[in-house]
C-alpha atoms as a PDB file:
ATOM      1  CA  UNK A   1     101.445 129.181 109.831  1.00  0.00           C
ATOM      2  CA  UNK A   2     103.464 128.795 112.928  1.00  0.00           C
ATOM      3  CA  UNK A   3     100.677 126.843 114.157  1.00  0.00           C
ATOM      4  CA  UNK A   4     100.561 124.205 111.279  1.00  0.00           C
ATOM      5  CA  UNK A   5     104.699 123.978 111.662  1.00  0.00           C
ATOM      6  CA  UNK A   6     104.339 123.309 115.533  1.00  0.00           C
ATOM      7  CA  UNK A   7     101.864 120.667 114.834  1.00  0.00           C
ATOM      8  CA  UNK A   8     104.613 118.936 112.796  1.00  0.00           C
ATOM      9  CA  UNK A   9     107.557 119.592 115.276  1.00  0.00           C
ATOM     10  CA  UNK A  10     105.293 118.085 117.769  1.00  0.00           C
ATOM     11  CA  UNK A  11     104.922 114.715 116.301  1.00  0.00           C
ATOM     12  CA  UNK A  12     108.602 114.294 115.287  1.00  0.00           C
ATOM     13  CA  UNK A  13     109.432 115.093 119.137  1.00  0.00           C
ATOM     14  CA  UNK A  14     107.146 112.463 119.917  1.00  0.00           C
ATOM     15  CA  UNK A  15     108.592 110.186 117.853  1.00  0.00           C
ATOM     16  CA  UNK A  16     112.118 111.053 119.253  1.00  0.00           C
ATOM     17  CA  UNK A  17     110.573 110.673 122.925  1.00  0.00           C
ATOM     18  CA  UNK A  18     109.218 107.295 122.276  1.00  0.00           C
ATOM     19  CA  UNK A  19     111.734 105.666 120.631  1.00  0.00           C
ATOM     20  CA  UNK A  20     114.583 106.352 123.045  1.00  0.00           C
ATOM     21  CA  UNK A  21     112.489 104.765 125.616  1.00  0.00           C
ATOM     22  CA  UNK A  22     112.465 101.606 123.742  1.00  0.00           C
ATOM     23  CA  UNK A  23     114.567  98.897 125.551  1.00  0.00           C
ATOM     24  CA  UNK A  24     117.781  98.016 123.387  1.00  0.00           C
ATOM     25  CA  UNK A  25     117.319 100.218 120.436  1.00  0.00           C
ATOM     26  CA  UNK A  26     120.543 100.736 119.890  1.00  0.00           C
ATOM     27  CA  UNK A  27     121.266  97.428 118.968  1.00  0.00           C
ATOM     28  CA  UNK A  28     118.106  97.415 117.128  1.00  0.00           C
ATOM     29  CA  UNK A  29     118.811 100.515 114.640  1.00  0.00           C
ATOM     30  CA  UNK A  30     120.118  98.488 112.010  1.00  0.00           C
ATOM     31  CA  UNK A  31     116.230  96.768 111.718  1.00  0.00           C
ATOM     32  CA  UNK A  32     115.084 100.162 112.067  1.00  0.00           C
ATOM     33  CA  UNK A  33     116.910 101.662 109.556  1.00  0.00           C
ATOM     34  CA  UNK A  34     116.007  98.379 107.168  1.00  0.00           C
ATOM     35  CA  UNK A  35     112.245  98.872 107.904  1.00  0.00           C
ATOM     36  CA  UNK A  36     112.197 102.855 107.545  1.00  0.00           C
ATOM     37  CA  UNK A  37     114.278 102.433 104.121  1.00  0.00           C
ATOM     38  CA  UNK A  38     111.667  99.831 102.897  1.00  0.00           C
ATOM     39  CA  UNK A  39     108.952 101.803 103.643  1.00  0.00           C
ATOM     40  CA  UNK A  40     110.420 104.952 101.667  1.00  0.00           C
ATOM     41  CA  UNK A  41     110.955 102.820  98.629  1.00  0.00           C
ATOM     42  CA  UNK A  42     107.459 101.064  99.127  1.00  0.00           C
ATOM     43  CA  UNK A  43     105.799 104.947  99.034  1.00  0.00           C
ATOM     44  CA  UNK A  44     108.191 106.673  96.908  1.00  0.00           C
ATOM     45  CA  UNK A  45     105.975 105.654  93.446  1.00  0.00           C
ATOM     46  CA  UNK A  46     102.380 106.743  95.202  1.00  0.00           C
ATOM     47  CA  UNK A  47     103.798 109.830  96.634  1.00  0.00           C
ATOM     48  CA  UNK A  48     105.429 111.087  93.340  1.00  0.00           C
ATOM     49  CA  UNK A  49     102.380 110.445  91.761  1.00  0.00           C
ATOM     50  CA  UNK A  50     100.158 112.421  94.278  1.00  0.00           C
ATOM     51  CA  UNK A  51     103.229 114.943  94.196  1.00  0.00           C
ATOM     52  CA  UNK A  52     102.581 115.849  90.540  1.00  0.00           C
ATOM     53  CA  UNK A  53      98.559 115.948  91.026  1.00  0.00           C
ATOM     54  CA  UNK A  54      99.126 118.489  93.780  1.00  0.00           C
ATOM     55  CA  UNK A  55     101.079 120.345  91.426  1.00  0.00           C
ATOM     56  CA  UNK A  56      97.910 120.456  89.153  1.00  0.00           C
ATOM     57  CA  UNK A  57      95.735 121.722  91.891  1.00  0.00           C
ATOM     58  CA  UNK A  58      98.088 124.122  93.031  1.00  0.00           C
ATOM     59  CA  UNK A  59      98.731 125.787  89.880  1.00  0.00           C
ATOM     60  CA  UNK A  60      94.794 125.951  89.039  1.00  0.00           C
ATOM     61  CA  UNK A  61      94.341 127.848  92.177  1.00  0.00           C
ATOM     62  CA  UNK A  62      97.637 130.164  91.434  1.00  0.00           C
ATOM     63  CA  UNK A  63      99.820 128.888  93.830  1.00  0.00           C
ATOM     64  CA  UNK A  64     103.224 129.273  91.948  1.00  0.00           C
ATOM     65  CA  UNK A  65     105.630 128.601  94.375  1.00  0.00           C
ATOM     66  CA  UNK A  66     104.042 125.649  95.880  1.00  0.00           C
ATOM     67  CA  UNK A  67     103.240 123.931  92.343  1.00  0.00           C
ATOM     68  CA  UNK A  68     107.212 124.724  91.759  1.00  0.00           C
ATOM     69  CA  UNK A  69     107.965 122.364  95.196  1.00  0.00           C
ATOM     70  CA  UNK A  70     106.122 119.584  94.446  1.00  0.00           C
ATOM     71  CA  UNK A  71     106.500 119.477  91.015  1.00  0.00           C
ATOM     72  CA  UNK A  72     110.664 118.933  91.508  1.00  0.00           C
ATOM     73  CA  UNK A  73     109.695 116.704  94.478  1.00  0.00           C
ATOM     74  CA  UNK A  74     107.766 114.576  92.065  1.00  0.00           C
ATOM     75  CA  UNK A  75     110.726 114.291  89.954  1.00  0.00           C
ATOM     76  CA  UNK A  76     112.733 113.745  93.169  1.00  0.00           C
ATOM     77  CA  UNK A  77     110.618 110.922  94.358  1.00  0.00           C
ATOM     78  CA  UNK A  78     112.443 108.481  91.427  1.00  0.00           C
ATOM     79  CA  UNK A  79     115.511 109.838  93.439  1.00  0.00           C
ATOM     80  CA  UNK A  80     114.179 108.406  96.435  1.00  0.00           C
ATOM     81  CA  UNK A  81     113.657 104.536  95.485  1.00  0.00           C
ATOM     82  CA  UNK A  82     117.474 105.150  94.264  1.00  0.00           C
ATOM     83  CA  UNK A  83     118.514 106.025  97.659  1.00  0.00           C
ATOM     84  CA  UNK A  84     116.370 103.809  99.664  1.00  0.00           C
ATOM     85  CA  UNK A  85     117.880 100.992  97.080  1.00  0.00           C
ATOM     86  CA  UNK A  86     121.883 102.121  97.760  1.00  0.00           C
ATOM     87  CA  UNK A  87     120.836 102.308 101.672  1.00  0.00           C
ATOM     88  CA  UNK A  88     119.216  99.060 101.881  1.00  0.00           C
ATOM     89  CA  UNK A  89     122.381  97.225  99.657  1.00  0.00           C
ATOM     90  CA  UNK A  90     124.760  98.712 101.712  1.00  0.00           C
ATOM     91  CA  UNK A  91     122.852  97.591 104.713  1.00  0.00           C
ATOM     92  CA  UNK A  92     122.917  94.136 103.075  1.00  0.00           C
ATOM     93  CA  UNK A  93     119.327  93.725 103.195  1.00  0.00           C
ATOM     94  CA  UNK A  94     116.441  93.073 100.942  1.00  0.00           C
ATOM     95  CA  UNK A  95     113.633  95.478 101.234  1.00  0.00           C
ATOM     96  CA  UNK A  96     110.790  93.707 103.221  1.00  0.00           C
ATOM     97  CA  UNK A  97     107.047  93.773 102.830  1.00  0.00           C
ATOM     98  CA  UNK A  98     105.297  96.832 104.026  1.00  0.00           C
ATOM     99  CA  UNK A  99     102.729  96.434 106.234  1.00  0.00           C
ATOM    100  CA  UNK A 100      98.974  96.415 106.039  1.00  0.00           C
ATOM    101  CA  UNK A 101      99.103 100.462 107.630  1.00  0.00           C
ATOM    102  CA  UNK A 102     101.196 101.322 104.599  1.00  0.00           C
ATOM    103  CA  UNK A 103      99.175 100.351 101.863  1.00  0.00           C
ATOM    104  CA  UNK A 104      96.161 101.640 103.904  1.00  0.00           C
ATOM    105  CA  UNK A 105      97.997 105.019 103.775  1.00  0.00           C
ATOM    106  CA  UNK A 106      98.761 105.167 100.352  1.00  0.00           C
ATOM    107  CA  UNK A 107      95.327 103.945  99.523  1.00  0.00           C
ATOM    108  CA  UNK A 108      93.621 106.866 101.591  1.00  0.00           C
ATOM    109  CA  UNK A 109      96.169 109.757 100.112  1.00  0.00           C
ATOM    110  CA  UNK A 110      95.083 108.638  96.531  1.00  0.00           C
ATOM    111  CA  UNK A 111      91.405 108.532  97.420  1.00  0.00           C
ATOM    112  CA  UNK A 112      91.653 112.184  98.910  1.00  0.00           C
ATOM    113  CA  UNK A 113      94.265 114.393  97.084  1.00  0.00           C
ATOM    114  CA  UNK A 114      92.185 115.591  94.222  1.00  0.00           C
ATOM    115  CA  UNK A 115      89.122 116.794  96.474  1.00  0.00           C
ATOM    116  CA  UNK A 116      91.287 117.239  99.531  1.00  0.00           C
ATOM    117  CA  UNK A 117      94.345 118.770  98.258  1.00  0.00           C
ATOM    118  CA  UNK A 118      95.299 120.939 101.593  1.00  0.00           C
ATOM    119  CA  UNK A 119      94.455 117.844 103.941  1.00  0.00           C
ATOM    120  CA  UNK A 120      96.709 115.492 101.443  1.00  0.00           C
ATOM    121  CA  UNK A 121      99.792 118.381 101.585  1.00  0.00           C
ATOM    122  CA  UNK A 122      99.463 118.107 105.304  1.00  0.00           C
ATOM    123  CA  UNK A 123      99.575 114.671 105.817  1.00  0.00           C
ATOM    124  CA  UNK A 124     102.636 114.119 103.382  1.00  0.00           C
ATOM    125  CA  UNK A 125     104.408 116.896 104.893  1.00  0.00           C
ATOM    126  CA  UNK A 126     104.346 115.126 108.169  1.00  0.00           C
ATOM    127  CA  UNK A 127     105.119 111.744 107.331  1.00  0.00           C
ATOM    128  CA  UNK A 128     108.307 113.467 105.243  1.00  0.00           C
ATOM    129  CA  UNK A 129     109.484 115.163 108.433  1.00  0.00           C
ATOM    130  CA  UNK A 130     108.267 111.473 110.668  1.00  0.00           C
ATOM    131  CA  UNK A 131     110.512 109.223 108.448  1.00  0.00           C
ATOM    132  CA  UNK A 132     113.299 111.586 108.167  1.00  0.00           C
ATOM    133  CA  UNK A 133     113.723 111.536 111.940  1.00  0.00           C
ATOM    134  CA  UNK A 134     113.079 108.083 112.028  1.00  0.00           C
ATOM    135  CA  UNK A 135     115.609 107.324 109.720  1.00  0.00           C
ATOM    136  CA  UNK A 136     118.136 109.915 111.496  1.00  0.00           C
ATOM    137  CA  UNK A 137     117.606 107.544 114.949  1.00  0.00           C
ATOM    138  CA  UNK A 138     119.266 105.038 112.737  1.00  0.00           C
ATOM    139  CA  UNK A 139     122.168 106.742 111.414  1.00  0.00           C
ATOM    140  CA  UNK A 140     123.481 107.775 114.626  1.00  0.00           C
ATOM    141  CA  UNK A 141     124.205 104.468 115.074  1.00  0.00           C
ATOM    142  CA  UNK A 142     126.482 104.547 111.918  1.00  0.00           C
ATOM    143  CA  UNK A 143     125.202 101.997 110.788  1.00  0.00           C
ATOM    144  CA  UNK A 144     124.925 103.411 106.993  1.00  0.00           C
ATOM    145  CA  UNK A 145     127.327 104.577 105.003  1.00  0.00           C
ATOM    146  CA  UNK A 146     128.668 108.201 105.236  1.00  0.00           C
ATOM    147  CA  UNK A 147     127.566 108.224 101.152  1.00  0.00           C
ATOM    148  CA  UNK A 148     123.865 107.579 102.116  1.00  0.00           C
ATOM    149  CA  UNK A 149     123.786 109.634 105.075  1.00  0.00           C
ATOM    150  CA  UNK A 150     124.924 112.601 102.366  1.00  0.00           C
ATOM    151  CA  UNK A 151     122.387 111.384 100.114  1.00  0.00           C
ATOM    152  CA  UNK A 152     119.397 111.671 102.749  1.00  0.00           C
ATOM    153  CA  UNK A 153     120.803 114.809 104.181  1.00  0.00           C
ATOM    154  CA  UNK A 154     119.146 116.302 100.385  1.00  0.00           C
ATOM    155  CA  UNK A 155     115.767 114.370 101.133  1.00  0.00           C
ATOM    156  CA  UNK A 156     115.731 115.513 104.578  1.00  0.00           C
ATOM    157  CA  UNK A 157     115.161 119.004 104.255  1.00  0.00           C
ATOM    158  CA  UNK A 158     112.041 118.911 102.168  1.00  0.00           C
ATOM    159  CA  UNK A 159     109.836 119.738 105.381  1.00  0.00           C
ATOM    160  CA  UNK A 160     111.776 123.062 106.109  1.00  0.00           C
ATOM    161  CA  UNK A 161     111.391 123.692 102.567  1.00  0.00           C
ATOM    162  CA  UNK A 162     107.783 123.531 102.636  1.00  0.00           C
ATOM    163  CA  UNK A 163     107.413 125.046 105.439  1.00  0.00           C
ATOM    164  CA  UNK A 164     109.418 128.139 103.930  1.00  0.00           C
ATOM    165  CA  UNK A 165     106.930 128.110 101.020  1.00  0.00           C
ATOM    166  CA  UNK A 166     103.876 127.723 103.006  1.00  0.00           C
ATOM    167  CA  UNK A 167     104.693 131.110 105.249  1.00  0.00           C
ATOM    168  CA  UNK A 168     104.909 132.767 102.139  1.00  0.00           C
ATOM    169  CA  UNK A 169     101.748 131.882 100.322  1.00  0.00           C
ATOM    170  CA  UNK A 170      98.516 133.740 101.306  1.00  0.00           C
ATOM    171  CA  UNK A 171      96.920 130.810 102.857  1.00  0.00           C
ATOM    172  CA  UNK A 172      92.551 131.526 103.618  1.00  0.00           C
ATOM    173  CA  UNK A 173      91.132 129.723 107.189  1.00  0.00           C
ATOM    174  CA  UNK A 174      89.914 126.722 104.986  1.00  0.00           C
ATOM    175  CA  UNK A 175      93.617 125.954 103.930  1.00  0.00           C
ATOM    176  CA  UNK A 176      94.984 126.350 106.599  1.00  0.00           C
ATOM    177  CA  UNK A 177      92.439 123.679 108.175  1.00  0.00           C
ATOM    178  CA  UNK A 178      93.131 121.567 105.556  1.00  0.00           C
ATOM    179  CA  UNK A 179      96.940 121.487 106.422  1.00  0.00           C
ATOM    180  CA  UNK A 180      96.204 120.633 110.068  1.00  0.00           C
ATOM    181  CA  UNK A 181      93.328 117.629 108.981  1.00  0.00           C
ATOM    182  CA  UNK A 182      96.125 116.359 107.324  1.00  0.00           C
ATOM    183  CA  UNK A 183      98.277 116.918 110.189  1.00  0.00           C
ATOM    184  CA  UNK A 184      96.229 115.205 112.083  1.00  0.00           C
ATOM    185  CA  UNK A 185      95.521 112.036 109.948  1.00  0.00           C
ATOM    186  CA  UNK A 186      99.712 111.390 109.816  1.00  0.00           C
ATOM    187  CA  UNK A 187      99.130 111.502 113.784  1.00  0.00           C
ATOM    188  CA  UNK A 188      97.509 108.662 113.895  1.00  0.00           C
ATOM    189  CA  UNK A 189      98.925 106.641 110.600  1.00  0.00           C
ATOM    190  CA  UNK A 190     102.603 107.628 110.953  1.00  0.00           C
ATOM    191  CA  UNK A 191     103.214 106.629 114.473  1.00  0.00           C
ATOM    192  CA  UNK A 192     101.310 102.917 113.262  1.00  0.00           C
ATOM    193  CA  UNK A 193     104.264 102.890 110.502  1.00  0.00           C
ATOM    194  CA  UNK A 194     107.370 104.699 112.937  1.00  0.00           C
ATOM    195  CA  UNK A 195     106.356 101.521 115.290  1.00  0.00           C
ATOM    196  CA  UNK A 196     106.126  99.032 113.071  1.00  0.00           C
ATOM    197  CA  UNK A 197     109.564  99.731 112.644  1.00  0.00           C
ATOM    198  CA  UNK A 198     110.479 100.338 115.284  1.00  0.00           C
ATOM    199  CA  UNK A 199     109.793  96.672 116.043  1.00  0.00           C
ATOM    200  CA  UNK A 200     106.318  97.485 118.115  1.00  0.00           C
ATOM    201  CA  UNK A 201     103.984  96.015 116.051  1.00  0.00           C
ATOM    202  CA  UNK A 202     101.673  95.083 118.974  1.00  0.00           C
ATOM    203  CA  UNK A 203     101.563  98.841 119.798  1.00  0.00           C
ATOM    204  CA  UNK A 204     101.051  99.923 116.688  1.00  0.00           C
ATOM    205  CA  UNK A 205      98.233  97.642 115.789  1.00  0.00           C
ATOM    206  CA  UNK A 206      96.371  98.829 119.067  1.00  0.00           C
ATOM    207  CA  UNK A 207      96.820 102.629 118.058  1.00  0.00           C
ATOM    208  CA  UNK A 208      92.799 103.595 117.375  1.00  0.00           C
ATOM    209  CA  UNK A 209      92.727 107.383 119.022  1.00  0.00           C
ATOM    210  CA  UNK A 210      92.310 110.282 116.213  1.00  0.00           C
ATOM    211  CA  UNK A 211      94.924 113.013 117.320  1.00  0.00           C
ATOM    212  CA  UNK A 212      92.920 116.091 116.378  1.00  0.00           C
ATOM    213  CA  UNK A 213      94.973 119.064 116.398  1.00  0.00           C
ATOM    214  CA  UNK A 214      94.021 121.970 119.346  1.00  0.00           C
ATOM    215  CA  UNK A 215      94.154 124.303 116.526  1.00  0.00           C
ATOM    216  CA  UNK A 216      91.673 122.684 114.112  1.00  0.00           C
ATOM    217  CA  UNK A 217      88.719 124.181 116.422  1.00  0.00           C
ATOM    218  CA  UNK A 218      90.376 127.046 117.802  1.00  0.00           C
ATOM    219  CA  UNK A 219      90.842 130.733 116.263  1.00  0.00           C
ATOM    220  CA  UNK A 220      93.563 130.932 113.468  1.00  0.00           C
END
């Protein structure tokens, strides 16, 4: 599981390094927040639907702890929408339309959630962490209220909770490989979405290479 967590952490580190190199990032942080909260708002219904589907899958597989976590998240995702709405209201902004990549991401995860639950979970885990890190970059500028920051603090702990739950689960090599496959998928689509949020649409559209974890083919 440490290998899986490492892959997620690497994605987040790459985002922070890339964002720090963006010219004028300090001045652009409000726009980053508007775009990221718009993404969270747009993607929350699909995430809620998939967490419910995953809960059923993990229940049937005897993964009670995981079932409980994703069931609770499916309920919490309605609050995700409310938090995003509150954040946008305090920023004095309306939600902007999500890019095509977000719609493709949503559709792709819906298509694989039943047949590939572990890949779905890995992809959603990585996106939870990436989006939390991107919003944190905007919060550092102090452009969102303390109230919204406090609300988001609870959401940002999801990745840590999932990592801890997975460490206690008895996963076989195939399930671990599924998680890594999902994280690799998020390594393609996640940066496309965060680059859009950073106002780097041209670079986002140019990303074509599939990010393959070195752990996927290696020993586990």
